[in-house]
């Protein structure tokens, strides 16, 4: 019988790999997200299974499925990673009390607020970090960033969230698409058009408008891991895509953008960890709410 009190040395890097595979339900997509080779990722997960003493995944023709042990381990693995991040953050805060890192995602500009914060606190270490769309919330909870400016939707539990401004949504199509050149379109115009899918259910539902207002499902397009993959699929004629209208950023050549009417706009929000009230963080909140009020704020 195994002694449950015996200490177990878990490699946190392997635990993180496990959570990414669990998120993507696919070793190939997880390897891409982690920027490592798939065979290497498989070996690392097997090492973790040896450390844990249980098989965590079953491979199926459709991808990868958590075993019963994996399902039980996943929430505790996430809690373990966050506890380690919090411990590191507390130690760093004690050593560097005047430091803040602001995270932001593609197409969002935090420069006005960051510049103002640096002006107000010239001795502070004010840093910025670009984050992929699907790692933003975890970066905040894992204490890799202290504040986050990103597009909703994402899970807001445990966070303090303030919407800063809205962006209209547009439809992106190839130049030779039947809708290219129209002044505007509605959801009815793309009833049968496939749109790229992502594993994140909240994000997928919002950016594919799934289900549609009449309750029907949105047509399925290919799975993607990165925003640029979305536009590559559109350019090749495999799908159309819904995107935010970002002032000052032109979409890639070969594509046309059309205003999408009758849908909720994209919301750009400031998020911080609930309960965090440090001096620099409170000051950044004020700067962001005053200066990040829309695309024109960066012109």
Protein backbone atom coordinates (compact mmCIF):
# COMPACT_ATOMS: atom_id res chain seq x y z
CA UNK A 1 0.00 0.00 0.00
CA UNK A 2 1.35 3.45 -0.93
CA UNK A 3 2.20 5.79 1.93
CA UNK A 4 0.08 8.87 1.18
CA UNK A 5 2.22 10.91 3.58
CA UNK A 6 5.44 10.20 1.71
CA UNK A 7 6.83 13.39 0.09
CA UNK A 8 6.53 13.65 -3.69
CA UNK A 9 8.87 15.88 -5.67
CA UNK A 10 6.87 17.30 -8.57
CA UNK A 11 8.59 19.24 -11.35
CA UNK A 12 6.45 22.39 -11.74
CA UNK A 13 7.49 22.71 -15.38
CA UNK A 14 5.98 19.28 -16.06
CA UNK A 15 2.84 20.22 -14.12
CA UNK A 16 2.46 23.27 -16.37
CA UNK A 17 2.88 21.09 -19.47
CA UNK A 18 0.11 18.83 -18.15
CA UNK A 19 -2.30 21.76 -17.72
CA UNK A 20 -1.65 22.99 -21.26
CA UNK A 21 -2.32 19.54 -22.76
CA UNK A 22 -5.47 19.31 -20.62
CA UNK A 23 -6.60 22.70 -21.95
CA UNK A 24 -6.05 21.84 -25.62
CA UNK A 25 -7.07 18.16 -25.36
CA UNK A 26 -4.47 17.52 -28.05
CA UNK A 27 -0.71 16.94 -27.76
CA UNK A 28 0.04 18.56 -31.13
CA UNK A 29 -1.82 21.79 -30.38
CA UNK A 30 -0.39 21.90 -26.87
CA UNK A 31 3.15 21.44 -28.20
CA UNK A 32 2.61 24.34 -30.60
CA UNK A 33 1.34 26.55 -27.78
CA UNK A 34 4.35 25.63 -25.63
CA UNK A 35 6.81 26.05 -28.53
CA UNK A 36 8.29 22.58 -28.04
CA UNK A 37 8.35 19.43 -30.17
CA UNK A 38 5.44 17.04 -29.72
CA UNK A 39 7.62 13.96 -28.97
CA UNK A 40 9.42 15.95 -26.27
CA UNK A 41 6.09 17.01 -24.75
CA UNK A 42 4.89 13.40 -24.71
CA UNK A 43 8.06 12.32 -22.90
CA UNK A 44 7.70 15.11 -20.33
CA UNK A 45 4.09 14.15 -19.59
CA UNK A 46 5.13 10.52 -19.15
CA UNK A 47 7.75 11.71 -16.65
CA UNK A 48 5.06 13.55 -14.72
CA UNK A 49 2.84 10.46 -14.75
CA UNK A 50 5.74 8.52 -13.24
CA UNK A 51 6.16 11.15 -10.54
CA UNK A 52 2.44 11.17 -9.78
CA UNK A 53 2.13 7.40 -10.00
CA UNK A 54 -0.92 7.40 -12.27
CA UNK A 55 -1.80 7.67 -15.96
CA UNK A 56 -3.25 11.14 -16.60
CA UNK A 57 -4.26 10.98 -20.29
CA UNK A 58 -5.85 8.53 -22.71
CA UNK A 59 -5.16 9.07 -26.42
CA UNK A 60 -8.18 8.66 -28.70
CA UNK A 61 -8.71 9.03 -32.48
CA UNK A 62 -10.29 12.44 -31.72
CA UNK A 63 -7.37 13.71 -29.61
CA UNK A 64 -6.53 13.36 -25.94
CA UNK A 65 -8.82 12.67 -23.00
CA UNK A 66 -8.13 13.06 -19.29
CA UNK A 67 -8.32 9.85 -17.28
CA UNK A 68 -10.21 9.81 -14.00
CA UNK A 69 -6.88 10.44 -12.27
CA UNK A 70 -6.15 13.30 -14.66
CA UNK A 71 -9.53 14.91 -13.95
CA UNK A 72 -8.82 14.73 -10.23
CA UNK A 73 -5.28 16.07 -10.65
CA UNK A 74 -6.10 19.03 -12.95
CA UNK A 75 -7.65 21.52 -10.46
CA UNK A 76 -4.96 20.70 -7.91
CA UNK A 77 -2.24 21.12 -10.53
CA UNK A 78 -3.58 24.59 -11.39
CA UNK A 79 -3.75 25.47 -7.70
CA UNK A 80 -0.17 24.26 -7.24
CA UNK A 81 1.11 26.44 -10.09
CA UNK A 82 -0.72 29.48 -8.75
CA UNK A 83 0.54 28.90 -5.23
CA UNK A 84 4.10 28.77 -6.55
CA UNK A 85 3.51 31.95 -8.57
CA UNK A 86 2.05 33.73 -5.55
CA UNK A 87 4.98 32.72 -3.37
CA UNK A 88 7.41 34.04 -5.99
CA UNK A 89 5.42 37.25 -6.41
CA UNK A 90 5.32 37.91 -2.66
CA UNK A 91 9.07 37.43 -2.42
CA UNK A 92 9.69 39.75 -5.37
CA UNK A 93 7.32 42.35 -3.98
CA UNK A 94 9.21 42.34 -0.71
CA UNK A 95 12.51 42.79 -2.53
CA UNK A 96 11.19 45.21 -5.19
CA UNK A 97 8.29 47.19 -3.69
CA UNK A 98 8.18 49.66 -6.61
CA UNK A 99 7.66 47.31 -9.54
CA UNK A 100 4.63 46.61 -11.72
CA UNK A 101 4.15 44.64 -14.95
CA UNK A 102 1.26 45.53 -17.26
CA UNK A 103 0.08 42.83 -19.66
CA UNK A 104 -1.71 43.54 -22.93
CA UNK A 105 -2.88 41.56 -25.94
CA UNK A 106 -2.58 42.11 -29.70
CA UNK A 107 -4.08 45.32 -31.05
CA UNK A 108 -4.40 46.96 -27.63
CA UNK A 109 -2.24 49.97 -26.73
CA UNK A 110 -1.37 50.69 -23.10
CA UNK A 111 1.31 53.30 -23.85
CA UNK A 112 -0.60 56.42 -22.65
CA UNK A 113 -1.35 54.91 -19.22
CA UNK A 114 2.13 53.38 -18.82
CA UNK A 115 3.81 56.63 -19.82
CA UNK A 116 1.70 58.59 -17.33
CA UNK A 117 2.45 56.10 -14.55
CA UNK A 118 6.20 56.41 -15.22
CA UNK A 119 5.88 60.19 -15.12
CA UNK A 120 4.09 60.05 -11.77
CA UNK A 121 6.49 57.48 -10.27
CA UNK A 122 9.91 58.10 -11.89
CA UNK A 123 11.68 55.73 -9.48
CA UNK A 124 9.32 52.81 -10.10
CA UNK A 125 10.12 49.87 -12.38
CA UNK A 126 7.14 49.91 -14.76
CA UNK A 127 7.24 47.05 -17.26
CA UNK A 128 4.96 45.83 -20.06
CA UNK A 129 4.45 42.32 -21.43
CA UNK A 130 2.67 41.28 -24.63
CA UNK A 131 0.47 38.22 -24.08
CA UNK A 132 -1.22 35.81 -26.45
CA UNK A 133 -5.00 36.04 -26.39
CA UNK A 134 -5.39 32.67 -24.64
CA UNK A 135 -2.78 33.16 -21.90
CA UNK A 136 -3.81 36.60 -20.63
CA UNK A 137 -5.96 35.56 -17.66
CA UNK A 138 -3.55 32.85 -16.55
CA UNK A 139 -0.66 35.34 -16.73
CA UNK A 140 -2.57 37.54 -14.29
CA UNK A 141 -3.52 34.73 -11.90
CA UNK A 142 -0.02 33.28 -12.06
CA UNK A 143 1.45 36.69 -11.10
CA UNK A 144 3.41 37.05 -14.35
CA UNK A 145 1.65 40.39 -14.76
CA UNK A 146 0.01 42.64 -12.17
CA UNK A 147 -2.56 44.30 -14.43
CA UNK A 148 -4.08 43.20 -17.71
CA UNK A 149 -5.68 45.11 -20.56
CA UNK A 150 -7.40 42.64 -22.88
CA UNK A 151 -10.58 41.90 -24.76
CA UNK A 152 -13.42 40.13 -23.06
CA UNK A 153 -14.72 37.51 -22.79
CA UNK A 154 -12.59 35.65 -20.27
CA UNK A 155 -13.45 34.09 -16.92
CA UNK A 156 -13.62 36.95 -14.40
CA UNK A 157 -13.85 34.90 -11.20
CA UNK A 158 -11.22 36.12 -8.74
CA UNK A 159 -10.61 39.29 -10.74
CA UNK A 160 -11.55 42.94 -10.53
CA UNK A 161 -12.65 43.92 -14.05
CA UNK A 162 -13.50 47.35 -15.50
CA UNK A 163 -14.58 47.84 -19.12
CA UNK A 164 -12.51 50.69 -20.59
CA UNK A 165 -14.03 51.05 -24.07
CA UNK A 166 -15.80 49.19 -26.86
CA UNK A 167 -14.68 48.26 -30.37
CA UNK A 168 -17.13 47.54 -33.22
CA UNK A 169 -16.86 44.08 -34.74
CA UNK A 170 -16.09 43.53 -38.41
CA UNK A 171 -16.25 40.64 -40.83
CA UNK A 172 -12.98 39.74 -42.58
CA UNK A 173 -13.22 38.03 -45.99
CA UNK A 174 -10.96 37.42 -49.02
CA UNK A 175 -11.03 40.17 -51.63
CA UNK A 176 -12.82 37.83 -54.07
CA UNK A 177 -15.52 36.83 -51.57
CA UNK A 178 -19.17 37.44 -52.50
CA UNK A 179 -19.54 39.89 -49.57
CA UNK A 180 -16.38 41.91 -50.25
CA UNK A 181 -17.26 45.49 -51.12
CA UNK A 182 -20.56 45.59 -49.23
CA UNK A 183 -21.07 48.60 -46.97
CA UNK A 184 -22.11 46.37 -44.05
CA UNK A 185 -23.30 42.85 -43.26
CA UNK A 186 -25.37 41.11 -40.59
CA UNK A 187 -25.20 37.67 -39.03
CA UNK A 188 -27.82 36.47 -41.53
CA UNK A 189 -25.36 37.20 -44.36
CA UNK A 190 -22.90 34.63 -42.94
CA UNK A 191 -25.42 31.98 -41.88
CA UNK A 192 -23.61 29.28 -43.88
CA UNK A 193 -20.04 30.60 -43.66
CA UNK A 194 -17.57 28.55 -41.58
CA UNK A 195 -15.58 30.49 -38.97
CA UNK A 196 -12.29 29.38 -37.33
CA UNK A 197 -12.68 27.70 -33.94
CA UNK A 198 -10.56 27.91 -30.77
CA UNK A 199 -10.55 25.60 -27.71
CA UNK A 200 -11.62 28.39 -25.31
CA UNK A 201 -15.41 28.06 -25.18
CA UNK A 202 -16.19 31.63 -24.06
CA UNK A 203 -13.93 33.19 -26.69
CA UNK A 204 -15.16 30.79 -29.37
CA UNK A 205 -18.82 31.54 -28.69
CA UNK A 206 -18.31 35.32 -28.75
CA UNK A 207 -16.16 35.54 -31.88
CA UNK A 208 -18.25 33.05 -33.87
CA UNK A 209 -21.60 34.30 -32.47
CA UNK A 210 -22.43 30.74 -31.46
CA UNK A 211 -25.29 30.07 -31.08
CA UNK A 212 -26.85 32.54 -33.51
CA UNK A 213 -29.76 34.77 -32.37
CA UNK A 214 -32.26 32.20 -33.66
CA UNK A 215 -30.59 29.44 -31.62
CA UNK A 216 -28.90 27.73 -34.56
CA UNK A 217 -25.22 26.72 -34.24
CA UNK A 218 -22.52 28.65 -36.08
CA UNK A 219 -20.93 26.62 -38.92
CA UNK A 220 -17.66 25.01 -37.84
CA UNK A 221 -14.37 26.03 -39.40
CA UNK A 222 -10.87 24.66 -38.74
CA UNK A 223 -9.30 24.86 -35.26
CA UNK A 224 -6.60 27.52 -34.75
CA UNK A 225 -4.17 28.37 -31.94
CA UNK A 226 -3.06 31.84 -33.01
CA UNK A 227 -4.80 34.94 -34.36
CA UNK A 228 -2.53 35.05 -37.42
CA UNK A 229 -3.68 31.54 -38.29
CA UNK A 230 -7.23 32.94 -38.49
CA UNK A 231 -6.28 35.44 -41.16
CA UNK A 232 -4.27 32.84 -43.09
CA UNK A 233 -7.38 30.64 -43.25
CA UNK A 234 -9.44 33.57 -44.47
CA UNK A 235 -6.87 34.54 -47.11
CA UNK A 236 -6.83 30.97 -48.42
CA UNK A 237 -10.62 30.92 -48.73
CA UNK A 238 -11.24 28.27 -46.06
CA UNK A 239 -13.28 30.50 -43.77
CA UNK A 240 -14.39 34.02 -42.93
CA UNK A 241 -13.67 35.60 -39.56
CA UNK A 242 -15.08 38.10 -37.10
CA UNK A 243 -12.56 40.53 -35.60
CA UNK A 244 -12.45 43.81 -33.68
CA UNK A 245 -12.15 47.05 -35.64
CA UNK A 246 -8.85 48.43 -34.33
CA UNK A 247 -8.01 52.03 -35.25
CA UNK A 248 -4.60 52.47 -36.82
CA UNK A 249 -4.13 48.78 -37.67
CA UNK A 250 -4.71 47.61 -41.24
CA UNK A 251 -5.53 44.01 -41.96
CA UNK A 252 -3.14 42.04 -44.12
CA UNK A 253 -3.14 42.41 -47.94
CA UNK A 254 -5.64 40.25 -49.79
CA UNK A 255 -8.37 40.67 -47.19
CA UNK A 256 -11.34 43.01 -46.93
CA UNK A 257 -13.08 44.15 -43.73
CA UNK A 258 -16.81 44.92 -43.58
CA UNK A 259 -18.71 46.46 -40.61
CA UNK A 260 -20.81 43.78 -38.90
CA UNK A 261 -24.08 45.33 -37.73
CA UNK A 262 -26.58 44.10 -35.17
CA UNK A 263 -24.05 42.43 -32.85
CA UNK A 264 -22.60 43.31 -29.45
CA UNK A 265 -19.27 45.17 -29.73
CA UNK A 266 -15.98 43.86 -28.41
CA UNK A 267 -15.22 45.09 -24.88
CA UNK A 268 -11.67 46.07 -23.91
CA UNK A 269 -11.24 45.71 -20.15
CA UNK A 270 -8.74 46.34 -17.37
CA UNK A 271 -8.36 43.36 -15.03
CA UNK A 272 -6.43 42.99 -11.79
CA UNK A 273 -6.46 40.30 -9.14
CA UNK A 274 -9.27 40.79 -6.62
CA UNK A 275 -7.83 42.10 -3.38
CA UNK A 276 -4.66 43.58 -4.91
CA UNK A 277 -4.49 47.22 -3.83
CA UNK A 278 -0.84 48.23 -3.96
CA UNK A 279 0.08 51.86 -4.48
CA UNK A 280 1.39 51.40 -8.04
CA UNK A 281 -1.49 49.16 -9.03
CA UNK A 282 -4.10 51.62 -7.76
CA UNK A 283 -2.31 54.41 -9.63
CA UNK A 284 -2.26 52.37 -12.85
CA UNK A 285 -5.98 51.73 -12.54
CA UNK A 286 -6.57 55.48 -12.38
CA UNK A 287 -4.26 56.11 -15.36
CA UNK A 288 -5.93 53.39 -17.45
CA UNK A 289 -9.48 54.53 -16.68
CA UNK A 290 -8.56 58.13 -17.53
CA UNK A 291 -6.44 57.57 -20.62
CA UNK A 292 -7.38 54.25 -22.21
CA UNK A 293 -10.82 55.35 -23.33
CA UNK A 294 -10.76 54.17 -26.93
CA UNK A 295 -8.59 53.78 -30.01
CA UNK A 296 -8.11 57.54 -30.29
CA UNK A 297 -6.34 57.51 -26.93
CA UNK A 298 -3.19 56.23 -28.65
CA UNK A 299 -3.09 58.66 -31.57
